[in-house]
Amino acid sequence: MRDSDKDYRVVVGMATCGIAAGARPVLNRLVEETSKNNYSCVVTQTGCIGLCVYEPIVEVFDKDGNKATYVHVDPEKAAVILRRHIGNGEIVEEYTIDSMKK
């Protein structure tokens, strides 16, 4: 992860496919909840992640570079991801791309 005093980097796919699928409200919720709850993360956006069928996509990176990829994220799921993953260090398995492959 880039130099930061935060424990996590939360990245939202904001290409056309992500925006069309509802990524903007997800990004807004992540920013609001992070500020309100003082989570140790930086929320940022990126272009195409390459998995359009799974949009909106949120990737969470820790300081060691480990990544969890969350798919079909809506604003409510975004709040849960922050609370459980960022707040408690628990990957929300049921929202990950791996859960879609089972």
N, C-alpha and C. Protein backbone atom coordinates (compact mmCIF):
# COMPACT_ATOMS: atom_id res chain seq x y z
N MET A 1 0.85 -1.18 0.00
CA MET A 1 0.00 0.00 0.00
C MET A 1 0.90 1.23 0.00
N ARG A 2 0.41 2.28 -0.58
CA ARG A 2 1.16 3.53 -0.60
C ARG A 2 1.40 4.02 0.82
N ASP A 3 2.37 4.93 0.94
CA ASP A 3 2.65 5.50 2.26
C ASP A 3 1.39 6.15 2.82
N SER A 4 0.98 5.69 3.97
CA SER A 4 -0.22 6.21 4.61
C SER A 4 -0.20 5.79 6.06
N ASP A 5 -0.83 6.59 6.90
CA ASP A 5 -0.95 6.21 8.29
C ASP A 5 -2.22 5.37 8.51
N LYS A 6 -2.95 5.10 7.45
CA LYS A 6 -4.18 4.31 7.53
C LYS A 6 -3.86 2.83 7.38
N ASP A 7 -4.71 1.98 7.96
CA ASP A 7 -4.50 0.54 7.90
C ASP A 7 -4.98 -0.10 6.61
N TYR A 8 -5.94 0.55 5.95
CA TYR A 8 -6.53 -0.03 4.74
C TYR A 8 -6.70 1.02 3.65
N ARG A 9 -6.75 0.52 2.40
CA ARG A 9 -7.12 1.33 1.25
C ARG A 9 -8.35 0.68 0.63
N VAL A 10 -9.42 1.43 0.50
CA VAL A 10 -10.68 0.95 -0.05
C VAL A 10 -10.86 1.59 -1.43
N VAL A 11 -10.95 0.76 -2.46
CA VAL A 11 -10.98 1.24 -3.84
C VAL A 11 -12.30 0.85 -4.50
N VAL A 12 -12.96 1.82 -5.08
CA VAL A 12 -14.24 1.59 -5.76
C VAL A 12 -14.03 1.72 -7.27
N GLY A 13 -14.49 0.71 -8.02
CA GLY A 13 -14.43 0.77 -9.48
C GLY A 13 -15.45 1.77 -10.00
N MET A 14 -14.94 2.85 -10.62
CA MET A 14 -15.82 3.94 -11.07
C MET A 14 -15.75 4.16 -12.58
N ALA A 15 -15.53 3.08 -13.34
CA ALA A 15 -15.63 3.20 -14.79
C ALA A 15 -17.11 3.28 -15.16
N THR A 16 -17.39 3.43 -16.43
CA THR A 16 -18.78 3.55 -16.89
C THR A 16 -19.63 2.38 -16.40
N CYS A 17 -19.08 1.17 -16.47
CA CYS A 17 -19.85 -0.01 -16.04
C CYS A 17 -20.16 0.05 -14.55
N GLY A 18 -19.21 0.48 -13.75
CA GLY A 18 -19.43 0.59 -12.31
C GLY A 18 -20.45 1.65 -11.97
N ILE A 19 -20.33 2.80 -12.61
CA ILE A 19 -21.27 3.89 -12.36
C ILE A 19 -22.68 3.47 -12.77
N ALA A 20 -22.81 2.82 -13.93
CA ALA A 20 -24.12 2.37 -14.40
C ALA A 20 -24.74 1.35 -13.45
N ALA A 21 -23.90 0.57 -12.77
CA ALA A 21 -24.39 -0.45 -11.85
C ALA A 21 -24.66 0.09 -10.45
N GLY A 22 -24.29 1.36 -10.19
CA GLY A 22 -24.59 1.96 -8.89
C GLY A 22 -23.39 2.24 -8.00
N ALA A 23 -22.20 2.38 -8.59
CA ALA A 23 -21.00 2.60 -7.79
C ALA A 23 -20.96 3.97 -7.10
N ARG A 24 -21.59 4.98 -7.69
CA ARG A 24 -21.52 6.32 -7.08
C ARG A 24 -22.15 6.35 -5.68
N PRO A 25 -23.36 5.82 -5.48
CA PRO A 25 -23.92 5.80 -4.12
C PRO A 25 -23.08 4.95 -3.15
N VAL A 26 -22.43 3.91 -3.68
CA VAL A 26 -21.55 3.08 -2.85
C VAL A 26 -20.35 3.91 -2.39
N LEU A 27 -19.72 4.62 -3.32
CA LEU A 27 -18.59 5.48 -2.99
C LEU A 27 -19.01 6.53 -1.96
N ASN A 28 -20.14 7.16 -2.19
CA ASN A 28 -20.62 8.18 -1.25
C ASN A 28 -20.83 7.60 0.14
N ARG A 29 -21.42 6.43 0.24
CA ARG A 29 -21.66 5.80 1.54
C ARG A 29 -20.35 5.45 2.23
N LEU A 30 -19.39 4.93 1.47
CA LEU A 30 -18.08 4.60 2.04
C LEU A 30 -17.41 5.85 2.62
N VAL A 31 -17.45 6.94 1.89
CA VAL A 31 -16.84 8.19 2.36
C VAL A 31 -17.56 8.70 3.61
N GLU A 32 -18.88 8.70 3.58
CA GLU A 32 -19.66 9.18 4.74
C GLU A 32 -19.41 8.34 5.98
N GLU A 33 -19.48 7.01 5.84
CA GLU A 33 -19.30 6.11 6.99
C GLU A 33 -17.88 6.17 7.53
N THR A 34 -16.89 6.29 6.63
CA THR A 34 -15.50 6.38 7.07
C THR A 34 -15.29 7.62 7.91
N SER A 35 -15.84 8.73 7.46
CA SER A 35 -15.71 9.99 8.20
C SER A 35 -16.46 9.93 9.52
N LYS A 36 -17.69 9.45 9.48
CA LYS A 36 -18.54 9.41 10.67
C LYS A 36 -17.97 8.50 11.76
N ASN A 37 -17.38 7.37 11.36
CA ASN A 37 -16.90 6.38 12.32
C ASN A 37 -15.39 6.38 12.51
N ASN A 38 -14.70 7.30 11.83
CA ASN A 38 -13.26 7.43 11.96
C ASN A 38 -12.52 6.11 11.68
N TYR A 39 -12.94 5.41 10.62
CA TYR A 39 -12.27 4.17 10.25
C TYR A 39 -10.86 4.47 9.74
N SER A 40 -9.93 3.54 10.00
CA SER A 40 -8.55 3.71 9.58
C SER A 40 -8.37 3.24 8.14
N CYS A 41 -8.95 4.00 7.22
CA CYS A 41 -8.82 3.66 5.81
C CYS A 41 -8.90 4.93 4.97
N VAL A 42 -8.37 4.81 3.78
CA VAL A 42 -8.54 5.87 2.79
C VAL A 42 -9.44 5.28 1.70
N VAL A 43 -10.44 6.03 1.31
CA VAL A 43 -11.37 5.61 0.26
C VAL A 43 -10.99 6.34 -1.02
N THR A 44 -10.81 5.57 -2.08
CA THR A 44 -10.42 6.14 -3.36
C THR A 44 -11.18 5.46 -4.48
N GLN A 45 -10.98 5.94 -5.68
CA GLN A 45 -11.66 5.34 -6.82
C GLN A 45 -10.66 5.01 -7.90
N THR A 46 -11.05 4.10 -8.77
CA THR A 46 -10.22 3.70 -9.89
C THR A 46 -11.11 3.54 -11.11
N GLY A 47 -10.51 3.27 -12.23
CA GLY A 47 -11.26 3.02 -13.46
C GLY A 47 -11.74 1.58 -13.49
N CYS A 48 -11.70 0.99 -14.65
CA CYS A 48 -12.22 -0.36 -14.85
C CYS A 48 -11.36 -1.39 -14.11
N ILE A 49 -12.02 -2.25 -13.37
CA ILE A 49 -11.34 -3.34 -12.67
C ILE A 49 -11.31 -4.58 -13.56
N GLY A 50 -12.18 -4.62 -14.58
CA GLY A 50 -12.16 -5.71 -15.54
C GLY A 50 -13.16 -6.82 -15.28
N LEU A 51 -14.04 -6.62 -14.34
CA LEU A 51 -15.03 -7.64 -13.99
C LEU A 51 -16.43 -7.04 -14.02
N CYS A 52 -16.78 -6.49 -15.16
CA CYS A 52 -18.01 -5.68 -15.28
C CYS A 52 -19.26 -6.40 -14.78
N VAL A 53 -19.34 -7.69 -14.98
CA VAL A 53 -20.52 -8.44 -14.58
C VAL A 53 -20.73 -8.43 -13.07
N TYR A 54 -19.68 -8.12 -12.31
CA TYR A 54 -19.75 -8.12 -10.84
C TYR A 54 -19.90 -6.73 -10.23
N GLU A 55 -20.01 -5.70 -11.05
CA GLU A 55 -20.10 -4.33 -10.53
C GLU A 55 -21.37 -4.12 -9.72
N PRO A 56 -21.34 -3.18 -8.81
CA PRO A 56 -20.23 -2.39 -8.30
C PRO A 56 -19.23 -3.24 -7.51
N ILE A 57 -17.96 -2.96 -7.72
CA ILE A 57 -16.87 -3.69 -7.07
C ILE A 57 -16.13 -2.77 -6.12
N VAL A 58 -15.82 -3.31 -4.94
CA VAL A 58 -15.01 -2.60 -3.94
C VAL A 58 -13.86 -3.52 -3.57
N GLU A 59 -12.64 -3.03 -3.69
CA GLU A 59 -11.46 -3.79 -3.28
C GLU A 59 -10.90 -3.17 -2.01
N VAL A 60 -10.55 -4.02 -1.06
CA VAL A 60 -9.96 -3.57 0.20
C VAL A 60 -8.56 -4.15 0.29
N PHE A 61 -7.57 -3.27 0.42
CA PHE A 61 -6.17 -3.66 0.55
C PHE A 61 -5.70 -3.33 1.96
N ASP A 62 -4.96 -4.27 2.57
CA ASP A 62 -4.36 -3.95 3.87
C ASP A 62 -2.92 -3.50 3.65
N LYS A 63 -2.24 -3.16 4.73
CA LYS A 63 -0.87 -2.63 4.62
C LYS A 63 0.11 -3.64 4.04
N ASP A 64 -0.21 -4.94 4.15
CA ASP A 64 0.66 -5.98 3.61
C ASP A 64 0.38 -6.28 2.14
N GLY A 65 -0.61 -5.59 1.57
CA GLY A 65 -0.95 -5.80 0.17
C GLY A 65 -1.99 -6.87 -0.07
N ASN A 66 -2.50 -7.48 1.00
CA ASN A 66 -3.57 -8.47 0.85
C ASN A 66 -4.83 -7.77 0.36
N LYS A 67 -5.57 -8.45 -0.52
CA LYS A 67 -6.74 -7.83 -1.13
C LYS A 67 -7.97 -8.71 -0.95
N ALA A 68 -9.08 -8.06 -0.63
CA ALA A 68 -10.39 -8.71 -0.67
C ALA A 68 -11.20 -7.97 -1.73
N THR A 69 -11.83 -8.72 -2.62
CA THR A 69 -12.65 -8.13 -3.68
C THR A 69 -14.11 -8.40 -3.38
N TYR A 70 -14.85 -7.33 -3.15
CA TYR A 70 -16.28 -7.41 -2.86
C TYR A 70 -17.06 -7.06 -4.12
N VAL A 71 -18.12 -7.84 -4.39
CA VAL A 71 -18.87 -7.67 -5.63
C VAL A 71 -20.35 -7.42 -5.36
N HIS A 72 -21.00 -6.84 -6.37
CA HIS A 72 -22.43 -6.48 -6.28
C HIS A 72 -22.69 -5.69 -5.00
N VAL A 73 -21.82 -4.73 -4.73
CA VAL A 73 -21.90 -3.94 -3.50
C VAL A 73 -22.95 -2.84 -3.67
N ASP A 74 -23.80 -2.70 -2.67
CA ASP A 74 -24.75 -1.59 -2.62
C ASP A 74 -24.40 -0.76 -1.38
N PRO A 75 -25.04 0.37 -1.16
CA PRO A 75 -24.67 1.21 -0.01
C PRO A 75 -24.78 0.49 1.34
N GLU A 76 -25.76 -0.38 1.50
CA GLU A 76 -25.90 -1.10 2.76
C GLU A 76 -24.75 -2.08 2.96
N LYS A 77 -24.40 -2.82 1.90
CA LYS A 77 -23.26 -3.74 1.98
C LYS A 77 -21.97 -2.96 2.25
N ALA A 78 -21.85 -1.78 1.66
CA ALA A 78 -20.65 -0.96 1.88
C ALA A 78 -20.47 -0.64 3.36
N ALA A 79 -21.57 -0.31 4.04
CA ALA A 79 -21.50 -0.01 5.47
C ALA A 79 -21.09 -1.25 6.27
N VAL A 80 -21.61 -2.41 5.88
CA VAL A 80 -21.26 -3.66 6.55
C VAL A 80 -19.78 -3.98 6.33
N ILE A 81 -19.30 -3.80 5.11
CA ILE A 81 -17.88 -4.05 4.81
C ILE A 81 -16.99 -3.17 5.69
N LEU A 82 -17.33 -1.91 5.82
CA LEU A 82 -16.54 -1.02 6.68
C LEU A 82 -16.57 -1.48 8.13
N ARG A 83 -17.75 -1.78 8.62
CA ARG A 83 -17.88 -2.17 10.02
C ARG A 83 -17.13 -3.46 10.32
N ARG A 84 -17.32 -4.47 9.48
CA ARG A 84 -16.73 -5.77 9.77
C ARG A 84 -15.28 -5.89 9.32
N HIS A 85 -14.97 -5.45 8.11
CA HIS A 85 -13.61 -5.62 7.60
C HIS A 85 -12.67 -4.56 8.16
N ILE A 86 -13.02 -3.31 8.01
CA ILE A 86 -12.15 -2.23 8.48
C ILE A 86 -12.21 -2.11 9.99
N GLY A 87 -13.41 -2.17 10.55
CA GLY A 87 -13.57 -2.02 12.00
C GLY A 87 -13.10 -3.20 12.81
N ASN A 88 -13.36 -4.43 12.30
CA ASN A 88 -13.06 -5.64 13.07
C ASN A 88 -12.01 -6.55 12.45
N GLY A 89 -11.50 -6.21 11.27
CA GLY A 89 -10.48 -7.03 10.62
C GLY A 89 -11.00 -8.35 10.07
N GLU A 90 -12.31 -8.44 9.84
CA GLU A 90 -12.96 -9.67 9.40
C GLU A 90 -13.41 -9.52 7.94
N ILE A 91 -12.89 -10.35 7.06
CA ILE A 91 -13.35 -10.31 5.67
C ILE A 91 -14.79 -10.79 5.63
N VAL A 92 -15.63 -10.06 4.91
CA VAL A 92 -17.05 -10.39 4.80
C VAL A 92 -17.19 -11.37 3.64
N GLU A 93 -16.93 -12.64 3.93
CA GLU A 93 -16.83 -13.68 2.91
C GLU A 93 -18.04 -13.74 1.99
N GLU A 94 -19.23 -13.55 2.53
CA GLU A 94 -20.44 -13.71 1.72
C GLU A 94 -20.59 -12.62 0.65
N TYR A 95 -19.80 -11.56 0.71
CA TYR A 95 -19.85 -10.49 -0.29
C TYR A 95 -18.68 -10.55 -1.26
N THR A 96 -17.77 -11.50 -1.10
CA THR A 96 -16.57 -11.54 -1.93
C THR A 96 -16.81 -12.22 -3.26
N ILE A 97 -15.90 -11.98 -4.17
CA ILE A 97 -15.98 -12.64 -5.48
C ILE A 97 -15.86 -14.14 -5.33
N ASP A 98 -15.10 -14.61 -4.35
CA ASP A 98 -14.96 -16.05 -4.13
C ASP A 98 -16.30 -16.70 -3.80
N SER A 99 -17.17 -15.99 -3.11
CA SER A 99 -18.48 -16.56 -2.77
C SER A 99 -19.35 -16.72 -4.01
N MET A 100 -19.09 -15.95 -5.05
CA MET A 100 -19.86 -16.04 -6.29
C MET A 100 -19.47 -17.27 -7.10
N LYS A 101 -18.29 -17.80 -6.85
CA LYS A 101 -17.77 -18.94 -7.62
C LYS A 101 -18.18 -20.28 -7.03
N LYS A 102 -18.85 -20.26 -5.88
CA LYS A 102 -19.22 -21.52 -5.21
C LYS A 102 -20.53 -22.04 -5.72
